[in-house]
């Protein structure tokens, strides 16, 4: 892990790295690392839902959004990826209920599992992007 980078995995649907010390020249590489990992988390979350008889459109509802920009704002860099079911898509709300559970069903945790599976890859990508810079 690169010095000066703090990773935050407390939210199961967000990848975030505190990149206050990142110089502007590495920000496109940081965004790329974030986007690659977000794509992998999305695919890993979709996998157990593919071919589901009860939630056939569930996998297609899972998307990601990159928040922030590859630029310095007030001396800070803030980028994160939110990954999860899009509530406006078919069966998106059902995927959310599957993830977190309901009073009558337990949580499936597919998203949490996908995020955990990709944590090391995210750290590696950020470390490669900032290698020798921070």
Protein backbone atom coordinates (compact mmCIF):
# COMPACT_ATOMS: atom_id res chain seq x y z
CA UNK A 1 0.00 0.00 0.00
CA UNK A 2 1.29 3.45 -0.89
CA UNK A 3 2.29 5.75 1.94
CA UNK A 4 -0.10 8.62 2.49
CA UNK A 5 -3.13 6.79 1.09
CA UNK A 6 -6.00 5.78 3.35
CA UNK A 7 -8.54 3.21 2.19
CA UNK A 8 -12.12 3.16 3.42
CA UNK A 9 -14.13 -0.03 3.04
CA UNK A 10 -16.80 0.68 5.66
CA UNK A 11 -19.47 1.28 3.03
CA UNK A 12 -20.26 -1.93 1.20
CA UNK A 13 -21.20 -0.12 -1.98
CA UNK A 14 -18.38 2.40 -2.26
CA UNK A 15 -14.69 2.34 -3.09
CA UNK A 16 -12.92 5.33 -1.62
CA UNK A 17 -9.30 6.30 -1.16
CA UNK A 18 -8.19 9.49 0.59
CA UNK A 19 -5.72 10.95 -1.89
CA UNK A 20 -4.97 14.35 -0.35
CA UNK A 21 -1.27 14.09 -1.21
CA UNK A 22 -1.79 13.03 -4.84
CA UNK A 23 -0.20 15.33 -7.40
CA UNK A 24 -2.30 16.28 -10.41
CA UNK A 25 -0.23 14.20 -12.85
CA UNK A 26 -1.27 10.89 -11.24
CA UNK A 27 -4.98 11.64 -10.99
CA UNK A 28 -5.89 10.10 -14.39
CA UNK A 29 -4.11 6.89 -13.31
CA UNK A 30 -5.97 6.96 -10.00
CA UNK A 31 -9.27 7.33 -11.82
CA UNK A 32 -8.35 4.40 -14.05
CA UNK A 33 -7.54 2.23 -11.01
CA UNK A 34 -10.85 3.19 -9.44
CA UNK A 35 -12.80 2.50 -12.62
CA UNK A 36 -11.17 -0.90 -13.20
CA UNK A 37 -11.96 -2.03 -9.67
CA UNK A 38 -15.52 -0.65 -9.83
CA UNK A 39 -16.08 -2.61 -13.03
CA UNK A 40 -14.76 -5.78 -11.39
CA UNK A 41 -16.97 -5.31 -8.32
CA UNK A 42 -19.99 -4.73 -10.57
CA UNK A 43 -19.29 -7.91 -12.55
CA UNK A 44 -18.69 -9.98 -9.41
CA UNK A 45 -21.95 -8.69 -7.91
CA UNK A 46 -23.85 -9.47 -11.11
CA UNK A 47 -22.51 -13.02 -11.35
CA UNK A 48 -24.72 -14.71 -8.70
CA UNK A 49 -27.80 -12.92 -10.10
CA UNK A 50 -27.29 -13.99 -13.73
CA UNK A 51 -29.83 -16.55 -14.86
CA UNK A 52 -31.94 -16.06 -11.73
CA UNK A 53 -35.48 -17.31 -12.15
CA UNK A 54 -36.80 -14.94 -9.48
CA UNK A 55 -34.81 -11.81 -10.42
CA UNK A 56 -34.05 -12.19 -14.14
CA UNK A 57 -33.29 -8.47 -14.67
CA UNK A 58 -31.44 -8.08 -11.39
CA UNK A 59 -27.91 -8.33 -12.77
CA UNK A 60 -28.60 -5.60 -15.34
CA UNK A 61 -29.69 -3.20 -12.59
CA UNK A 62 -26.22 -3.12 -11.03
CA UNK A 63 -24.16 -0.14 -12.18
CA UNK A 64 -21.47 2.14 -10.88
CA UNK A 65 -20.87 5.87 -10.85
CA UNK A 66 -17.54 7.62 -10.40
CA UNK A 67 -17.93 10.61 -8.12
CA UNK A 68 -15.36 13.36 -8.08
CA UNK A 69 -12.91 14.24 -10.78
CA UNK A 70 -9.34 13.70 -11.81
CA UNK A 71 -8.41 17.22 -10.74
CA UNK A 72 -7.38 18.99 -7.60
CA UNK A 73 -10.09 20.85 -5.75
CA UNK A 74 -8.90 23.13 -2.97
CA UNK A 75 -5.70 21.11 -2.70
CA UNK A 76 -7.53 17.81 -2.28
CA UNK A 77 -8.38 14.96 -4.58
CA UNK A 78 -11.63 13.18 -3.89
CA UNK A 79 -12.85 10.36 -6.07
CA UNK A 80 -15.04 7.42 -5.21
CA UNK A 81 -17.14 4.82 -6.97
CA UNK A 82 -20.65 3.98 -5.89
CA UNK A 83 -21.61 0.49 -6.99
CA UNK A 84 -25.04 -1.05 -6.66
CA UNK A 85 -28.52 -1.52 -8.03
CA UNK A 86 -29.99 1.46 -9.82
CA UNK A 87 -33.44 1.89 -8.31
CA UNK A 88 -34.91 3.22 -11.57
CA UNK A 89 -34.00 0.07 -13.48
CA UNK A 90 -36.10 -3.07 -13.64
CA UNK A 91 -35.75 -5.05 -10.42
CA UNK A 92 -33.17 -2.63 -8.96
CA UNK A 93 -35.16 -2.25 -5.73
CA UNK A 94 -35.45 -6.03 -5.42
CA UNK A 95 -31.67 -6.41 -5.74
CA UNK A 96 -31.33 -3.88 -2.91
CA UNK A 97 -33.70 -5.95 -0.76
CA UNK A 98 -31.74 -9.09 -1.59
CA UNK A 99 -28.51 -7.41 -0.57
CA UNK A 100 -29.67 -6.07 2.78
CA UNK A 101 -32.54 -8.43 3.56
CA UNK A 102 -36.06 -7.72 4.72
CA UNK A 103 -37.89 -8.51 7.96
CA UNK A 104 -38.79 -11.87 6.38
CA UNK A 105 -35.55 -12.73 4.56
CA UNK A 106 -31.91 -12.56 5.46
CA UNK A 107 -29.36 -10.53 3.51
CA UNK A 108 -27.62 -12.22 0.60
CA UNK A 109 -24.57 -9.96 0.72
CA UNK A 110 -23.54 -10.40 -2.91
CA UNK A 111 -22.36 -6.79 -3.13
CA UNK A 112 -20.43 -6.94 0.13
CA UNK A 113 -18.75 -10.13 -1.02
CA UNK A 114 -17.85 -8.60 -4.40
CA UNK A 115 -16.38 -5.51 -2.76
CA UNK A 116 -14.36 -7.56 -0.29
CA UNK A 117 -13.08 -9.79 -3.11
CA UNK A 118 -11.70 -6.71 -4.91
CA UNK A 119 -10.24 -4.71 -2.00
CA UNK A 120 -6.68 -5.98 -2.52
CA UNK A 121 -6.86 -5.28 -6.26
CA UNK A 122 -8.03 -1.72 -5.54
CA UNK A 123 -5.15 -1.14 -3.14
CA UNK A 124 -2.71 -2.59 -5.68
CA UNK A 125 -4.07 -0.35 -8.46
CA UNK A 126 -3.80 2.76 -6.31
CA UNK A 127 -0.28 1.78 -5.24
CA UNK A 128 0.79 1.29 -8.87
CA UNK A 129 -0.76 4.62 -9.86
CA UNK A 130 1.09 6.46 -7.11
CA UNK A 131 4.32 4.47 -7.19
CA UNK A 132 7.27 6.74 -6.48
CA UNK A 133 5.08 9.84 -6.28
CA UNK A 134 3.61 9.95 -2.76
